[in-house]
Amino acid sequence: MSVHIHPTAVVHPEAILGEGVEIGPFCVVEAGARLGDRVRLVSHVRVDGCVTLGEGCVADAFCSLGGPPQDLSYKGEPTTVTIGPRTQMRDHFSVHRGTVRGRGATVIGADCYFMAQSHVAHDCIVGDKAMLSQSAVIGGHVVMEEGAIVGGLSAVHQHVRIGKAAFIGGVTALVQDLIPYGLALGNHADLVGLNMVGLKRRGVPREAIHRIRAAYRLLFEGDGVWEERLARVAAEFGDSPQVMDIVHFIQADSRRPLCKPRPA
């Protein structure tokens, strides 16, 4: 398979291009950039030299990949961006490289989908099959686990963790950690329940969903102090992988408090 480069594109000879790469009009690919097999840059895409694109990635018009982080501590140190296979990036999507005081890398998984004008900031880790909707943005150092979705025009504060298959509704500001399978809405966001649509789409059986809902009620609506309720959930639902995803997420170290339901 041959490489196709439009005559108006500027591709540095030290960029590394896989088989079947397509680079459209007015794209710029810098020295050191790595484009896997069948990567497609539609037009006016900039790929900095710190970027690695997995096979089959598509970047639509005016995407900016690997630009310097919006962090005043950054002084031009060599850091990276890695984007996994088959990830799709629509018009004006942007992602920034890591910082030395952070992870030194921004890492995006496979099969992600980033809608127009969305943004992934420096030092983020985004899991496989995650999605940012139109104009959604996540701040620096955010961890967004596999299958999580951020709704349109929503913003996630730096250092927040978003659990597996969680859903953040549109026009929402999330400033606290959101549990796996959780649903958050509002400004500032509250936990309003479970992402039932997401659970069903993942093929979680009805009986398993009933157990997740029972664990959720015990954890967030039950009697006793928080630590006791968390211990009870772990003991009573230890055979549920989804519930234990939530338990382990809560038990992990974090710089942000946990997003919880609004007090009645």
Protein backbone atom coordinates (compact mmCIF):
# COMPACT_ATOMS: atom_id res chain seq x y z
CA MET A 1 0.00 0.00 0.00
CA SER A 2 1.41 3.35 -1.00
CA VAL A 3 1.48 6.61 0.95
CA HIS A 4 -0.48 9.51 -0.54
CA ILE A 5 0.60 13.07 0.33
CA HIS A 6 -1.23 16.04 -1.15
CA PRO A 7 1.07 18.50 -2.96
CA THR A 8 0.13 21.30 -0.54
CA ALA A 9 0.97 19.29 2.59
CA VAL A 10 4.27 19.82 4.43
CA VAL A 11 5.69 16.54 5.73
CA HIS A 12 9.15 16.50 7.30
CA PRO A 13 11.41 13.79 5.86
CA GLU A 14 12.06 12.53 9.40
CA ALA A 15 8.40 11.85 10.05
CA ILE A 16 7.65 8.11 10.15
CA LEU A 17 4.73 7.06 7.95
CA GLY A 18 3.12 3.63 7.85
CA GLU A 19 1.60 1.87 4.88
CA GLY A 20 -1.48 3.41 3.31
CA VAL A 21 -1.20 6.76 5.09
CA GLU A 22 -3.20 9.59 3.49
CA ILE A 23 -2.20 13.21 4.18
CA GLY A 24 -4.60 15.75 2.75
CA PRO A 25 -4.34 19.40 1.68
CA PHE A 26 -2.40 21.89 3.83
CA CYS A 27 -1.51 19.41 6.58
CA VAL A 28 1.76 19.79 8.52
CA VAL A 29 3.57 16.75 9.93
CA GLU A 30 6.71 17.52 11.92
CA ALA A 31 9.94 15.58 12.32
CA GLY A 32 9.60 12.62 14.68
CA ALA A 33 5.85 12.21 14.29
CA ARG A 34 4.77 8.59 13.87
CA LEU A 35 1.71 7.77 11.78
CA GLY A 36 0.62 4.14 11.81
CA ASP A 37 -0.76 2.20 8.87
CA ARG A 38 -3.85 3.68 7.20
CA VAL A 39 -3.83 6.90 9.23
CA ARG A 40 -5.79 9.61 7.43
CA LEU A 41 -5.33 13.36 7.90
CA VAL A 42 -8.21 14.98 6.03
CA SER A 43 -7.01 18.59 5.64
CA HIS A 44 -5.30 21.44 7.57
CA VAL A 45 -4.21 19.02 10.32
CA ARG A 46 -1.09 19.75 12.37
CA VAL A 47 0.79 16.80 13.89
CA ASP A 48 3.69 17.77 16.14
CA GLY A 49 6.82 15.65 16.33
CA CYS A 50 5.93 14.31 19.78
CA VAL A 51 2.83 12.49 18.47
CA THR A 52 2.26 8.80 17.75
CA LEU A 53 -0.96 7.90 15.93
CA GLY A 54 -2.09 4.27 15.94
CA GLU A 55 -3.19 2.50 12.80
CA GLY A 56 -6.47 3.61 11.27
CA CYS A 57 -6.75 6.92 13.11
CA VAL A 58 -8.63 9.67 11.29
CA ALA A 59 -8.12 13.40 11.98
CA ASP A 60 -10.61 15.71 10.32
CA ALA A 61 -10.11 19.33 9.23
CA PHE A 62 -8.13 21.68 11.46
CA CYS A 63 -7.24 19.17 14.18
CA SER A 64 -4.20 20.14 16.27
CA LEU A 65 -2.32 17.17 17.72
CA GLY A 66 0.52 17.49 20.21
CA GLY A 67 0.71 21.22 20.78
CA PRO A 68 2.44 22.64 23.88
CA PRO A 69 0.45 22.30 27.11
CA GLN A 70 -1.41 25.30 28.48
CA ASP A 71 0.66 25.13 31.67
CA LEU A 72 2.94 27.98 32.72
CA SER A 73 5.48 25.51 34.15
CA TYR A 74 6.17 24.03 30.72
CA LYS A 75 9.50 25.19 29.28
CA GLY A 76 9.70 23.16 26.09
CA GLU A 77 10.79 19.85 27.61
CA PRO A 78 10.40 16.73 25.43
CA THR A 79 7.06 15.12 26.27
CA THR A 80 4.64 13.06 24.20
CA VAL A 81 1.14 12.30 22.95
CA THR A 82 0.08 8.75 22.05
CA ILE A 83 -3.27 8.04 20.40
CA GLY A 84 -4.48 4.47 20.01
CA PRO A 85 -5.69 2.69 16.88
CA ARG A 86 -8.90 3.62 15.06
CA THR A 87 -9.56 6.72 17.11
CA GLN A 88 -11.60 9.33 15.25
CA MET A 89 -11.02 13.06 15.72
CA ARG A 90 -13.51 15.46 14.18
CA ASP A 91 -13.10 19.09 13.09
CA HIS A 92 -10.96 21.33 15.33
CA PHE A 93 -10.24 18.63 17.93
CA SER A 94 -7.08 19.37 19.91
CA VAL A 95 -4.83 17.44 22.29
CA HIS A 96 -1.76 18.73 24.13
CA ARG A 97 1.44 16.95 25.05
CA GLY A 98 2.32 16.12 28.68
CA THR A 99 4.39 18.10 31.15
CA VAL A 100 7.50 17.18 33.10
CA ARG A 101 5.82 17.85 36.42
CA GLY A 102 2.91 15.67 35.29
CA ARG A 103 3.09 12.28 33.60
CA GLY A 104 5.28 13.50 30.77
CA ALA A 105 2.73 12.07 28.37
CA THR A 106 -0.86 12.39 27.24
CA VAL A 107 -2.25 8.95 26.39
CA ILE A 108 -5.45 8.18 24.49
CA GLY A 109 -6.68 4.64 23.95
CA ALA A 110 -8.10 2.78 20.97
CA ASP A 111 -11.46 3.30 19.26
CA CYS A 112 -12.16 6.66 20.92
CA TYR A 113 -14.41 9.26 19.33
CA PHE A 114 -13.84 13.00 19.73
CA MET A 115 -16.47 15.27 18.25
CA ALA A 116 -15.88 18.71 16.79
CA GLN A 117 -14.05 21.31 18.93
CA SER A 118 -13.46 18.94 21.83
CA HIS A 119 -10.18 19.07 23.74
CA VAL A 120 -7.92 16.74 25.75
CA ALA A 121 -5.47 18.67 27.92
CA HIS A 122 -1.93 17.80 28.99
CA ASP A 123 -1.12 14.65 31.00
CA CYS A 124 -4.58 13.10 30.56
CA ILE A 125 -5.14 9.36 30.31
CA VAL A 126 -8.17 8.42 28.21
CA GLY A 127 -9.26 4.79 28.03
CA ASP A 128 -10.46 2.78 25.05
CA LYS A 129 -13.83 3.63 23.47
CA ALA A 130 -14.19 6.89 25.40
CA MET A 131 -16.07 9.79 23.83
CA LEU A 132 -16.06 13.57 24.04
CA SER A 133 -19.15 15.16 22.52
CA GLN A 134 -19.32 18.50 20.72
CA SER A 135 -17.15 21.16 22.42
CA ALA A 136 -16.55 19.02 25.53
CA VAL A 137 -13.22 19.60 27.28
CA ILE A 138 -11.21 17.77 29.93
CA GLY A 139 -8.55 19.60 31.94
CA GLY A 140 -5.01 18.57 32.69
CA HIS A 141 -4.22 15.30 34.48
CA VAL A 142 -7.77 13.94 34.06
CA VAL A 143 -8.16 10.15 33.99
CA MET A 144 -11.10 9.06 31.85
CA GLU A 145 -11.65 5.32 31.98
CA GLU A 146 -12.82 2.94 29.25
CA GLY A 147 -16.19 3.71 27.69
CA ALA A 148 -16.80 6.98 29.55
CA ILE A 149 -18.72 9.76 27.76
CA VAL A 150 -18.64 13.52 28.30
CA GLY A 151 -21.69 15.33 26.94
CA GLY A 152 -21.69 18.37 24.70
CA LEU A 153 -20.44 21.72 26.04
CA SER A 154 -19.34 20.08 29.28
CA ALA A 155 -16.09 20.66 31.16
CA VAL A 156 -14.10 18.43 33.50
CA HIS A 157 -11.79 20.03 36.08
CA GLN A 158 -8.12 19.07 36.19
CA HIS A 159 -7.12 15.98 38.21
CA VAL A 160 -10.69 14.58 38.14
CA ARG A 161 -11.19 10.85 37.56
CA ILE A 162 -14.10 9.60 35.43
CA GLY A 163 -14.93 5.96 35.99
CA LYS A 164 -15.54 3.22 33.46
CA ALA A 165 -18.70 3.71 31.33
CA ALA A 166 -19.72 6.80 33.30
CA PHE A 167 -21.79 9.49 31.59
CA ILE A 168 -21.56 13.25 32.07
CA GLY A 169 -24.61 15.07 30.74
CA GLY A 170 -24.52 18.06 28.46
CA VAL A 171 -23.62 21.56 29.73
CA THR A 172 -22.22 20.07 32.93
CA ALA A 173 -19.24 21.13 35.03
CA LEU A 174 -17.66 18.15 36.79
CA VAL A 175 -15.24 19.07 39.58
CA GLN A 176 -15.28 15.79 41.53
CA ASP A 177 -14.52 12.14 40.78
CA LEU A 178 -17.38 10.27 39.10
CA ILE A 179 -17.82 6.58 39.94
CA PRO A 180 -17.82 3.89 37.23
CA TYR A 181 -21.27 3.58 35.59
CA GLY A 182 -22.34 6.82 37.27
CA LEU A 183 -24.46 9.58 35.75
CA ALA A 184 -23.65 13.21 36.58
CA LEU A 185 -25.56 16.37 35.65
CA GLY A 186 -25.51 20.06 36.53
CA ASN A 187 -23.24 22.98 37.32
CA HIS A 188 -21.55 22.01 39.49
CA ALA A 189 -22.41 18.36 38.85
CA ASP A 190 -24.18 16.02 41.24
CA LEU A 191 -24.37 12.26 40.97
CA VAL A 192 -27.96 11.59 39.90
CA GLY A 193 -27.90 7.84 39.43
CA LEU A 194 -26.45 5.09 37.27
CA ASN A 195 -25.81 5.21 33.53
CA MET A 196 -28.47 2.62 32.78
CA VAL A 197 -28.29 3.13 29.01
CA GLY A 198 -24.54 2.55 29.11
CA LEU A 199 -24.89 -0.61 31.18
CA LYS A 200 -27.45 -2.05 28.75
CA ARG A 201 -25.30 -1.14 25.75
CA ARG A 202 -22.41 -3.00 27.34
CA GLY A 203 -24.56 -6.13 27.52
CA VAL A 204 -24.73 -6.26 31.32
CA PRO A 205 -27.50 -8.77 32.18
CA ARG A 206 -30.67 -7.54 33.89
CA GLU A 207 -29.93 -9.49 37.07
CA ALA A 208 -26.49 -7.92 37.29
CA ILE A 209 -27.99 -4.45 36.82
CA HIS A 210 -30.42 -5.11 39.68
CA ARG A 211 -27.46 -5.91 41.94
CA ILE A 212 -25.61 -2.76 40.87
CA ARG A 213 -28.70 -0.67 41.67
CA ALA A 214 -29.05 -2.34 45.07
CA ALA A 215 -25.40 -1.64 45.84
CA TYR A 216 -25.82 1.98 44.71
CA ARG A 217 -28.80 2.48 47.04
CA LEU A 218 -26.96 0.93 49.96
CA LEU A 219 -23.87 3.03 49.33
CA PHE A 220 -25.50 6.40 48.76
CA GLU A 221 -28.85 6.08 50.55
CA GLY A 222 -28.23 3.52 53.31
CA ASP A 223 -27.84 3.97 57.05
CA GLY A 224 -24.56 4.40 58.88
CA VAL A 225 -21.41 6.35 58.14
CA TRP A 226 -19.81 6.34 54.71
CA GLU A 227 -16.94 3.98 55.55
CA GLU A 228 -19.34 1.41 57.02
CA ARG A 229 -21.61 1.51 53.98
CA LEU A 230 -18.66 1.09 51.63
CA ALA A 231 -17.46 -1.93 53.62
CA ARG A 232 -20.96 -3.46 53.53
CA VAL A 233 -21.19 -3.01 49.77
CA ALA A 234 -17.81 -4.70 49.29
CA ALA A 235 -18.84 -7.59 51.52
CA GLU A 236 -22.36 -8.12 50.14
CA PHE A 237 -21.61 -7.58 46.44
CA GLY A 238 -18.07 -8.91 46.14
CA ASP A 239 -19.16 -11.28 43.36
CA SER A 240 -20.31 -8.41 41.13
CA PRO A 241 -17.46 -7.14 38.92
CA GLN A 242 -19.31 -3.91 38.20
CA VAL A 243 -19.92 -3.15 41.87
CA MET A 244 -16.31 -3.92 42.69
CA ASP A 245 -15.26 -1.52 39.90
CA ILE A 246 -17.08 1.15 41.91
CA VAL A 247 -15.60 0.04 45.24
CA HIS A 248 -12.03 -0.03 43.95
CA PHE A 249 -12.50 3.34 42.24
CA ILE A 250 -13.62 4.90 45.54
CA GLN A 251 -10.78 3.29 47.47
CA ALA A 252 -8.07 4.55 45.09
CA ASP A 253 -6.02 7.62 45.94
CA SER A 254 -7.28 10.84 44.39
CA ARG A 255 -6.73 14.58 44.56
CA ARG A 256 -10.45 15.24 44.18
CA PRO A 257 -13.45 14.42 46.40
CA LEU A 258 -16.12 12.04 45.20
CA CYS A 259 -19.16 13.27 43.28
CA LYS A 260 -22.23 12.25 45.33
CA PRO A 261 -25.99 12.82 45.16
CA ARG A 262 -27.27 16.19 46.34
CA PRO A 263 -28.47 15.97 49.98
CA ALA A 264 -32.25 15.73 50.24
